[in-house]
Amino acid sequence: MTIRTDVAMVAARIDRLPASTLHRNLMLIFAVALFFDSVDINTLASAAPGLIKAWGLTIHHIALVTSASFVGMFFGATLGGALADRFGRKPSLIAFIAISSLGSLATAFAPTLHYLFFARIVTGFGISAGMVTVMTYITELFPAATRGTWLSKAMVINLSAIPLTNFVARLVVPYGDNGWRFVFIWGALGIILLAVLPTLPESPRWLAHRGHHDKAEATLRRIEQRVADAYGMLPEPQPLDLSIDTRAPWTAMFSRTYLPRTLTLCAIWLLQTLGFYGFEAWVPTLLVQHGITLVHSLTYFTLINIGAPLGALIAVFLSDQYERKYTIALVAAVIAVSGLLYGLSFEPALIVGFGFLVGMFVQTFATLLYSYTPEQFPTDMRNGATGFAYGAGRLANVANAFVIAGIYTNLGYIAVFCYIAGAWLLTAMITLMFGPKTTGRHLEALHPSAETKPLVSAMSGRPHVIGRSEATKQSPS
């Protein structure tokens, strides 16, 4: 069974589009969706010191609630990812944003620790299901030559949520026993997106692969018309001559064809989650336990995370200029060194300085990985497989919360950051050894099941890979 010509043509028509106001507007909607997902991810870390003070909780109580978030994230990524493959990107994203916003609101009014635990499970489900769906949505809607850049721009806006959430916490947590609740109300504001999300187009790639060819054609015509209104006549699409399985079920990620990629991505997401959340979720609490006051801890954490949107900005310039496999590995190694130096620092300037580097480059890494993961799988299983890899990391962090608490209790503050640095170093090694190359390549030609006759450059005789300069040439003058 081979892929239908009209499915290949859908991909070609999307990939030949020049950058436009339409792409910018879509990017902004996706960016705001990611923004509030990031708000919800970071609310607990920012509110934890206030919860400890107000409810008399211990480090292990915080570990329990943190693990609840990641249980929800695991089910959100795996189940939510599969649901978006079954029912479509657009309705799924609307549902997931509603779930995460309502879960955060429920957290804000939690009367007991048990209620808080279950509210964080619900919030975590919506967060990760929404993030995975946005990753896939952008990968499928934006041209091959620039999809990494567009996602990186969305991540700049997304990651401004981290310092803003830290700043909100710095303002409200120290004032009264219920100050921490306002952090979660801030997280629930993502519900305003429900007024805008219905205007999104469904992914034409998903529509075509599901057999909805008329809808795919109508959606593509609307997209092309809006781009043509700004740029005039569009370049002719150049469909790939390829043959792949028409339908790839969710379980295909465990087949001989895709299992190496599935295992590699699961390992990368698992290790980066240990390193990322080991740092982000625990720094305010560990600083307080290390003898720094609550106010100073939240101030340091806010200063550290100012670097988050800058990290995504770095990725804007790296993503489509250099092979993502190599930049991901390099950035992971830099984070390992900076994280270790952070753990060895005890002067405020050094704590903030090395913490700033970690916070910045962690988000460069995350931005690159958000582009890299959905590129590995075909459309029919892209969201589910991406969600499975993403969810594997979130599930690992259920145990990671208790591992870090145990390391801190038994081995001390510095040992926690040695553990975090080791996770990042392993991430770099696995990416270099096993990660495939993807930058600038057509999605439909990236899969190991594809038998592709590559487009060949007349000048070089090499397989054709779309680059920035070519995308510019394709744009009408």
Protein backbone atom coordinates (compact mmCIF):
# COMPACT_ATOMS: atom_id res chain seq x y z
CA MET A 1 0.00 0.00 0.00
CA THR A 2 1.51 3.35 -1.01
CA ILE A 3 0.82 6.93 -0.08
CA ARG A 4 -1.65 8.68 -2.37
CA THR A 5 -0.37 11.38 -4.71
CA ASP A 6 -2.67 14.00 -3.15
CA VAL A 7 -1.12 13.38 0.27
CA ALA A 8 2.36 13.99 -1.17
CA MET A 9 1.01 17.08 -2.92
CA VAL A 10 -0.38 18.46 0.35
CA ALA A 11 3.12 18.28 1.81
CA ALA A 12 4.65 19.91 -1.27
CA ARG A 13 2.10 22.75 -1.23
CA ILE A 14 2.79 23.50 2.44
CA ASP A 15 6.58 23.33 2.08
CA ARG A 16 6.73 25.73 -0.89
CA LEU A 17 4.91 28.58 0.88
CA PRO A 18 6.96 31.70 1.67
CA ALA A 19 6.85 33.13 5.19
CA SER A 20 3.74 35.26 5.61
CA THR A 21 1.51 37.19 7.97
CA LEU A 22 -0.63 34.06 8.22
CA HIS A 23 2.33 32.09 9.54
CA ARG A 24 3.11 34.85 12.01
CA ASN A 25 -0.46 34.95 13.31
CA LEU A 26 -0.59 31.17 13.67
CA MET A 27 2.73 31.25 15.48
CA LEU A 28 1.39 33.84 17.95
CA ILE A 29 -1.66 31.70 18.79
CA PHE A 30 0.50 28.63 19.33
CA ALA A 31 2.96 30.71 21.36
CA VAL A 32 0.26 31.89 23.77
CA ALA A 33 -0.99 28.31 24.16
CA LEU A 34 2.55 27.20 25.01
CA PHE A 35 2.95 30.25 27.28
CA PHE A 36 0.14 29.19 29.59
CA ASP A 37 1.28 25.57 29.54
CA SER A 38 4.66 26.79 30.77
CA VAL A 39 2.96 28.95 33.40
CA ASP A 40 1.17 25.86 34.73
CA ILE A 41 4.36 23.79 34.71
CA ASN A 42 6.20 26.36 36.80
CA THR A 43 3.47 27.38 39.26
CA LEU A 44 4.16 24.58 41.75
CA ALA A 45 7.91 25.25 41.90
CA SER A 46 7.22 28.94 42.55
CA ALA A 47 4.45 28.28 45.09
CA ALA A 48 6.21 25.42 46.95
CA PRO A 49 8.10 27.56 49.50
CA GLY A 50 4.83 29.31 50.44
CA LEU A 51 3.02 25.95 50.72
CA ILE A 52 5.73 24.61 53.01
CA LYS A 53 5.33 27.63 55.26
CA ALA A 54 1.51 27.82 55.18
CA TRP A 55 0.70 24.11 55.58
CA GLY A 56 3.81 22.97 57.44
CA LEU A 57 4.81 20.61 54.63
CA THR A 58 8.14 18.81 54.26
CA ILE A 59 10.40 18.28 51.26
CA HIS A 60 8.83 14.84 50.81
CA HIS A 61 5.32 16.32 50.71
CA ILE A 62 6.45 18.63 47.91
CA ALA A 63 7.99 15.62 46.15
CA LEU A 64 4.61 13.86 46.39
CA VAL A 65 2.70 16.76 44.84
CA THR A 66 5.42 17.27 42.20
CA SER A 67 5.16 13.60 41.26
CA ALA A 68 1.38 13.99 40.88
CA SER A 69 1.97 16.63 38.19
CA PHE A 70 4.20 14.26 36.29
CA VAL A 71 1.79 11.35 36.57
CA GLY A 72 -0.77 13.61 34.89
CA MET A 73 1.82 14.70 32.31
CA PHE A 74 2.62 11.10 31.41
CA PHE A 75 -1.03 10.23 30.76
CA GLY A 76 -1.61 13.56 29.02
CA ALA A 77 1.33 13.05 26.65
CA THR A 78 0.63 9.39 25.84
CA LEU A 79 -3.18 9.28 25.86
CA GLY A 80 -3.63 12.88 24.74
CA GLY A 81 -1.13 12.40 21.93
CA ALA A 82 -3.03 9.37 20.63
CA LEU A 83 -6.35 11.25 20.90
CA ALA A 84 -5.01 14.09 18.76
CA ASP A 85 -3.99 11.55 16.11
CA ARG A 86 -7.50 10.10 16.22
CA PHE A 87 -9.68 13.24 16.43
CA GLY A 88 -7.48 15.96 14.95
CA ARG A 89 -5.08 18.63 16.15
CA LYS A 90 -7.59 21.49 16.50
CA PRO A 91 -10.38 19.97 18.67
CA SER A 92 -7.81 18.18 20.80
CA LEU A 93 -5.85 21.36 21.52
CA ILE A 94 -9.04 23.18 22.53
CA ALA A 95 -9.92 20.38 24.97
CA PHE A 96 -6.41 20.19 26.44
CA ILE A 97 -6.16 23.95 27.09
CA ALA A 98 -9.53 23.83 28.88
CA ILE A 99 -8.39 20.89 31.05
CA SER A 100 -5.09 22.49 32.11
CA SER A 101 -6.73 25.84 32.91
CA LEU A 102 -9.52 24.31 34.99
CA GLY A 103 -7.02 22.06 36.75
CA SER A 104 -4.91 25.05 37.73
CA LEU A 105 -8.01 26.84 39.03
CA ALA A 106 -8.91 23.76 41.08
CA THR A 107 -5.37 23.77 42.52
CA ALA A 108 -5.78 27.38 43.61
CA PHE A 109 -8.77 26.46 45.77
CA ALA A 110 -7.42 23.15 47.10
CA PRO A 111 -8.44 22.75 50.78
CA THR A 112 -6.17 19.79 51.59
CA LEU A 113 -2.99 18.09 50.42
CA HIS A 114 -5.00 15.20 48.94
CA TYR A 115 -7.17 17.57 46.91
CA LEU A 116 -4.04 19.39 45.76
CA PHE A 117 -2.54 16.06 44.64
CA PHE A 118 -5.48 15.20 42.38
CA ALA A 119 -5.80 18.74 41.01
CA ARG A 120 -2.16 18.59 39.89
CA ILE A 121 -2.80 15.29 38.09
CA VAL A 122 -5.58 16.94 36.07
CA THR A 123 -3.46 20.01 35.36
CA GLY A 124 -0.49 17.88 34.30
CA PHE A 125 -2.67 15.93 31.86
CA GLY A 126 -3.81 19.08 30.09
CA ILE A 127 -0.33 20.66 30.08
CA SER A 128 1.56 17.86 28.38
CA ALA A 129 -1.26 16.88 26.00
CA GLY A 130 -1.42 20.52 24.89
CA MET A 131 2.34 20.90 24.50
CA VAL A 132 2.69 17.75 22.41
CA THR A 133 -0.20 18.80 20.17
CA VAL A 134 1.31 22.25 19.58
CA MET A 135 4.69 20.69 18.70
CA THR A 136 3.02 18.49 16.10
CA TYR A 137 0.70 21.25 14.85
CA ILE A 138 3.61 23.59 14.09
CA THR A 139 5.65 20.82 12.48
CA GLU A 140 2.78 20.01 10.10
CA LEU A 141 1.56 23.53 9.25
CA PHE A 142 4.86 25.33 8.63
CA PRO A 143 7.26 24.89 5.67
CA ALA A 144 10.23 22.52 5.99
CA ALA A 145 12.79 25.29 5.44
CA THR A 146 11.56 27.37 8.38
CA ARG A 147 9.53 25.15 10.73
CA GLY A 148 12.31 25.13 13.35
CA THR A 149 12.59 28.91 13.25
CA TRP A 150 8.84 29.44 13.64
CA LEU A 151 8.68 27.06 16.59
CA SER A 152 11.69 28.81 18.15
CA LYS A 153 9.93 32.16 17.86
CA ALA A 154 6.87 30.69 19.56
CA MET A 155 9.13 29.39 22.30
CA VAL A 156 10.57 32.86 22.96
CA ILE A 157 7.07 34.00 23.90
CA ASN A 158 6.31 30.71 25.64
CA LEU A 159 9.38 30.84 27.85
CA SER A 160 8.78 34.38 29.01
CA ALA A 161 6.18 32.59 31.16
CA ILE A 162 8.93 31.27 33.43
CA PRO A 163 10.37 34.59 34.72
CA LEU A 164 6.89 36.15 34.71
CA THR A 165 5.55 33.31 36.86
CA ASN A 166 8.54 33.64 39.17
CA PHE A 167 7.86 37.38 39.40
CA VAL A 168 4.17 36.82 40.17
CA ALA A 169 5.19 34.36 42.89
CA ARG A 170 7.73 36.85 44.26
CA LEU A 171 4.90 39.38 44.63
CA VAL A 172 2.14 37.20 46.08
CA VAL A 173 3.65 34.18 47.88
CA PRO A 174 5.32 36.05 50.78
CA TYR A 175 2.09 37.87 51.72
CA GLY A 176 -0.07 35.65 53.89
CA ASP A 177 -0.80 31.95 54.16
CA ASN A 178 -2.94 32.01 51.03
CA GLY A 179 -0.53 33.98 48.85
CA TRP A 180 0.51 30.81 47.01
CA ARG A 181 -3.06 30.34 45.71
CA PHE A 182 -2.79 33.40 43.47
CA VAL A 183 0.08 31.76 41.57
CA PHE A 184 -2.32 29.03 40.40
CA ILE A 185 -5.04 31.56 39.53
CA TRP A 186 -2.43 33.17 37.27
CA GLY A 187 -1.94 29.74 35.66
CA ALA A 188 -5.66 29.36 35.01
CA LEU A 189 -5.82 32.48 32.80
CA GLY A 190 -5.00 30.33 29.77
CA ILE A 191 -8.72 29.67 29.52
CA ILE A 192 -9.04 32.95 27.58
CA LEU A 193 -7.52 31.12 24.59
CA LEU A 194 -10.77 29.24 24.09
CA ALA A 195 -12.07 32.36 22.35
CA VAL A 196 -9.29 32.21 19.71
CA LEU A 197 -8.43 28.54 19.15
CA PRO A 198 -11.54 27.78 17.03
CA THR A 199 -10.11 30.09 14.32
CA LEU A 200 -7.15 27.74 13.71
CA PRO A 201 -7.08 25.66 10.54
CA GLU A 202 -6.93 21.90 10.99
CA SER A 203 -3.67 20.34 9.82
CA PRO A 204 -4.06 19.58 6.08
CA ARG A 205 -1.52 16.78 6.47
CA TRP A 206 -3.69 15.14 9.14
CA LEU A 207 -6.85 15.59 7.08
CA ALA A 208 -5.26 14.03 4.00
CA HIS A 209 -3.81 11.08 5.89
CA ARG A 210 -7.22 10.42 7.48
CA GLY A 211 -8.83 10.37 4.04
CA HIS A 212 -10.61 13.75 4.35
CA HIS A 213 -9.26 14.96 1.01
CA ASP A 214 -11.98 17.50 0.31
CA LYS A 215 -11.44 19.16 3.69
CA ALA A 216 -7.68 19.09 3.20
CA GLU A 217 -8.07 20.74 -0.19
CA ALA A 218 -10.43 23.42 1.14
CA THR A 219 -8.12 24.18 4.08
CA LEU A 220 -5.05 24.39 1.83
CA ARG A 221 -6.83 26.71 -0.60
CA ARG A 222 -7.70 29.11 2.24
CA ILE A 223 -4.10 29.05 3.48
CA GLU A 224 -2.67 29.57 -0.02
CA GLN A 225 -5.09 32.38 -0.79
CA ARG A 226 -4.09 34.30 2.33
CA VAL A 227 -0.40 33.92 1.49
CA ALA A 228 -0.96 34.80 -2.18
CA ASP A 229 -2.90 37.94 -1.22
CA ALA A 230 0.31 39.24 0.33
CA TYR A 231 2.92 37.79 -2.05
CA GLY A 232 1.25 37.35 -5.41
CA MET A 233 1.72 34.19 -7.48
CA LEU A 234 3.07 31.29 -5.44
CA PRO A 235 5.90 29.02 -6.66
CA GLU A 236 4.88 25.67 -8.12
CA PRO A 237 4.84 22.80 -5.59
CA GLN A 238 7.44 20.08 -6.13
CA PRO A 239 6.04 16.85 -4.65
CA LEU A 240 8.46 14.14 -3.64
CA ASP A 241 8.34 10.87 -5.55
CA LEU A 242 8.00 8.55 -2.58
CA SER A 243 6.33 5.41 -1.38
CA ILE A 244 5.50 4.83 2.30
CA ASP A 245 2.83 3.06 4.29
CA THR A 246 -0.52 4.82 3.83
CA ARG A 247 -1.50 4.38 7.46
CA ALA A 248 0.86 3.95 10.39
CA PRO A 249 -0.95 2.82 13.57
CA TRP A 250 0.12 4.04 16.99
CA THR A 251 1.83 0.71 17.67
CA ALA A 252 4.12 1.18 14.64
CA MET A 253 6.50 3.14 16.85
CA PHE A 254 7.47 -0.22 18.37
CA SER A 255 8.03 -1.91 15.02
CA ARG A 256 11.48 -2.80 13.73
CA THR A 257 11.35 0.26 11.48
CA TYR A 258 10.68 2.89 14.15
CA LEU A 259 11.80 1.29 17.42
CA PRO A 260 15.38 2.69 17.27
CA ARG A 261 14.00 6.23 16.95
CA THR A 262 11.40 5.63 19.65
CA LEU A 263 14.02 4.36 22.11
CA THR A 264 16.48 7.16 21.28
CA LEU A 265 13.87 9.89 21.75
CA CYS A 266 12.53 8.29 24.94
CA ALA A 267 16.06 8.26 26.36
CA ILE A 268 16.66 11.91 25.38
CA TRP A 269 13.34 13.08 26.85
CA LEU A 270 13.83 10.99 29.99
CA LEU A 271 17.32 12.32 30.70
CA GLN A 272 16.56 15.94 29.82
CA THR A 273 13.50 15.80 32.08
CA LEU A 274 15.63 14.57 34.98
CA GLY A 275 18.07 17.41 34.35
CA PHE A 276 15.54 20.13 33.53
CA TYR A 277 12.99 19.54 36.28
CA GLY A 278 15.68 18.53 38.72
CA PHE A 279 16.83 22.13 38.37
CA GLU A 280 13.64 24.11 37.71
CA ALA A 281 11.32 22.36 40.16
CA TRP A 282 13.73 22.26 43.08
CA VAL A 283 15.95 25.35 43.03
CA PRO A 284 13.68 27.64 45.16
CA THR A 285 13.06 24.93 47.76
CA LEU A 286 16.70 23.79 47.89
CA LEU A 287 17.93 27.37 48.28
CA VAL A 288 15.59 27.86 51.27
CA GLN A 289 16.73 24.55 52.79
CA HIS A 290 20.32 25.65 52.22
CA GLY A 291 19.77 28.64 54.50
CA ILE A 292 18.68 31.37 52.05
CA THR A 293 15.51 33.25 53.01
CA LEU A 294 12.24 32.67 51.15
CA VAL A 295 12.25 36.17 49.64
CA HIS A 296 15.89 35.90 48.49
CA SER A 297 15.28 32.38 47.12
CA LEU A 298 12.40 33.58 44.94
CA THR A 299 14.40 36.66 43.90
CA TYR A 300 17.37 34.53 42.81
CA PHE A 301 15.07 32.14 40.97
CA THR A 302 13.42 35.03 39.13
CA LEU A 303 16.81 36.43 38.07
CA ILE A 304 17.99 32.97 36.97
CA ASN A 305 14.96 32.43 34.77
CA ILE A 306 15.17 35.78 33.00
CA GLY A 307 17.46 33.83 30.69
CA ALA A 308 14.68 31.43 29.60
CA PRO A 309 13.26 33.49 26.67
CA LEU A 310 16.83 34.42 25.68
CA GLY A 311 17.55 30.71 25.36
CA ALA A 312 14.72 30.30 22.88
CA LEU A 313 15.95 33.39 21.03
CA ILE A 314 19.32 31.68 20.56
CA ALA A 315 17.47 28.72 19.08
CA VAL A 316 15.78 31.03 16.53
CA PHE A 317 19.21 31.58 14.96
CA LEU A 318 20.43 27.99 15.35
CA SER A 319 17.41 25.87 14.50
CA ASP A 320 17.36 25.95 10.70
CA GLN A 321 20.97 27.07 10.15
CA TYR A 322 22.70 24.03 11.62
CA GLU A 323 21.79 20.37 11.95
CA ARG A 324 19.58 20.05 15.06
CA LYS A 325 21.18 16.77 16.13
CA TYR A 326 24.55 18.46 16.68
CA THR A 327 23.26 21.66 18.27
CA ILE A 328 21.11 19.63 20.69
CA ALA A 329 24.15 17.60 21.81
CA LEU A 330 26.38 20.67 22.15
CA VAL A 331 23.85 22.63 24.20
CA ALA A 332 23.25 19.64 26.51
CA ALA A 333 27.01 19.46 27.24
CA VAL A 334 27.12 23.20 28.02
CA ILE A 335 24.20 22.78 30.45
CA ALA A 336 26.00 19.92 32.21
CA VAL A 337 29.05 22.09 32.90
CA SER A 338 27.02 25.17 33.93
CA GLY A 339 24.80 23.09 36.23
CA LEU A 340 27.77 21.55 38.00
CA LEU A 341 29.36 24.98 38.52
CA TYR A 342 26.04 26.24 39.88
CA GLY A 343 26.02 23.50 42.51
CA LEU A 344 29.59 24.40 43.54
CA SER A 345 28.77 28.11 43.93
CA PHE A 346 27.76 29.72 47.22
CA GLU A 347 28.16 33.44 46.50
CA PRO A 348 24.93 35.17 45.36
CA ALA A 349 26.54 36.53 42.17
CA LEU A 350 27.83 33.09 41.17
CA ILE A 351 24.54 31.38 42.06
CA VAL A 352 22.64 33.81 39.83
CA GLY A 353 25.30 33.81 37.10
CA PHE A 354 25.65 30.06 36.60
CA GLY A 355 21.95 29.57 37.27
CA PHE A 356 21.23 32.09 34.52
CA LEU A 357 23.36 30.07 32.06
CA VAL A 358 21.54 26.87 32.99
CA GLY A 359 18.12 28.52 32.71
CA MET A 360 19.03 30.04 29.34
CA PHE A 361 20.61 27.02 27.64
CA VAL A 362 18.02 24.58 29.02
CA GLN A 363 15.46 26.51 26.99
CA THR A 364 17.67 26.57 23.90
CA PHE A 365 17.79 22.80 24.24
CA ALA A 366 14.05 22.45 24.83
CA THR A 367 13.23 24.61 21.81
CA LEU A 368 15.45 22.54 19.52
CA LEU A 369 14.03 19.29 20.91
CA TYR A 370 10.45 20.49 20.39
CA SER A 371 11.25 20.81 16.68
CA TYR A 372 13.31 17.63 16.50
CA THR A 373 10.91 15.11 18.05
CA PRO A 374 7.80 15.34 15.79
CA GLU A 375 10.02 15.21 12.70
CA GLN A 376 10.87 11.56 13.42
CA PHE A 377 7.46 9.98 12.77
CA PRO A 378 4.79 9.87 10.00
CA THR A 379 1.61 11.95 10.25
CA ASP A 380 -0.77 9.17 11.35
CA MET A 381 1.29 8.43 14.47
CA ARG A 382 3.23 11.69 14.84
CA ASN A 383 1.34 13.12 17.81
CA GLY A 384 0.99 9.77 19.59
CA ALA A 385 4.65 8.83 19.14
CA THR A 386 5.83 12.31 20.11
CA GLY A 387 3.58 12.12 23.15
CA PHE A 388 4.95 8.72 24.11
CA ALA A 389 8.54 9.98 24.05
CA TYR A 390 7.57 13.17 25.89
CA GLY A 391 5.52 11.16 28.38
CA ALA A 392 8.37 8.76 29.10
CA GLY A 393 10.35 11.68 30.48
CA ARG A 394 7.42 12.91 32.54
CA LEU A 395 6.85 9.46 34.04
CA ALA A 396 10.51 9.24 34.97
CA ASN A 397 10.15 12.46 36.91
CA VAL A 398 7.56 10.85 39.20
CA ALA A 399 10.44 8.90 40.71
CA ASN A 400 12.92 11.74 40.12
CA ALA A 401 11.20 13.97 42.69
CA PHE A 402 11.87 11.36 45.38
CA VAL A 403 15.38 10.60 44.07
CA ILE A 404 16.39 14.27 44.38
CA ALA A 405 14.82 14.51 47.84
CA GLY A 406 16.77 11.38 48.84
CA ILE A 407 20.04 12.62 47.36
CA TYR A 408 19.67 15.95 49.14
CA THR A 409 18.78 14.34 52.46
CA ASN A 410 21.57 11.75 52.39
CA LEU A 411 24.35 13.28 50.29
CA GLY A 412 23.75 17.02 50.37
CA TYR A 413 23.21 20.03 48.14
CA ILE A 414 26.21 19.61 45.80
CA ALA A 415 25.36 15.96 45.07
CA VAL A 416 22.00 17.01 43.63
CA PHE A 417 23.72 19.11 40.98
CA CYS A 418 26.27 16.39 40.17
CA TYR A 419 23.28 14.14 39.46
CA ILE A 420 21.66 16.79 37.26
CA ALA A 421 24.93 17.39 35.32
CA GLY A 422 25.30 13.66 34.71
CA ALA A 423 21.82 13.48 33.18
CA TRP A 424 22.66 16.27 30.74
CA LEU A 425 25.99 14.71 29.75
CA LEU A 426 24.29 11.40 28.94
CA THR A 427 21.72 13.31 26.87
CA ALA A 428 24.49 14.80 24.73
CA MET A 429 26.16 11.41 24.19
CA ILE A 430 22.96 9.57 23.18
CA THR A 431 21.92 12.32 20.77
CA LEU A 432 25.31 12.25 19.04
CA MET A 433 25.43 8.48 18.81
CA PHE A 434 21.87 7.63 17.78
CA GLY A 435 19.93 10.73 16.72
CA PRO A 436 19.02 11.05 13.01
CA LYS A 437 19.54 14.22 10.98
CA THR A 438 16.38 16.20 10.19
CA THR A 439 17.05 19.90 9.59
CA GLY A 440 15.52 21.35 6.43
CA ARG A 441 14.25 17.99 5.16
CA HIS A 442 10.71 17.23 3.97
CA LEU A 443 8.74 15.52 6.75
CA GLU A 444 7.52 12.80 4.41
CA ALA A 445 11.10 11.95 3.36
CA LEU A 446 12.46 11.65 6.90
CA HIS A 447 10.94 8.33 7.82
CA PRO A 448 12.90 5.10 7.56
CA SER A 449 9.90 3.42 5.90
CA ALA A 450 9.94 5.89 3.00
CA GLU A 451 11.38 4.82 -0.33
CA THR A 452 12.25 8.20 -1.71
CA LYS A 453 13.69 9.35 -4.98
CA PRO A 454 15.43 12.46 -3.60
CA LEU A 455 15.27 15.73 -5.41
CA VAL A 456 18.81 16.27 -6.69
CA SER A 457 20.59 19.56 -7.02
CA ALA A 458 21.88 20.02 -10.57
CA MET A 459 24.94 21.78 -9.21
CA SER A 460 26.04 19.30 -6.55
CA GLY A 461 24.39 16.01 -7.45
CA ARG A 462 23.52 15.61 -3.77
CA PRO A 463 20.10 14.84 -2.24
CA HIS A 464 18.01 17.98 -2.09
CA VAL A 465 17.54 19.63 1.30
CA ILE A 466 15.58 22.86 1.51
CA GLY A 467 17.54 25.75 2.97
CA ARG A 468 16.88 29.37 3.86
CA SER A 469 18.41 30.79 0.71
CA GLU A 470 16.23 28.59 -1.47
CA ALA A 471 13.12 29.49 0.50
CA THR A 472 13.94 33.13 -0.17
CA LYS A 473 14.40 32.47 -3.89
CA GLN A 474 11.01 30.78 -4.00
CA SER A 475 9.28 33.84 -2.59
CA PRO A 476 7.81 36.09 -5.27
CA SER A 477 9.51 39.43 -5.63
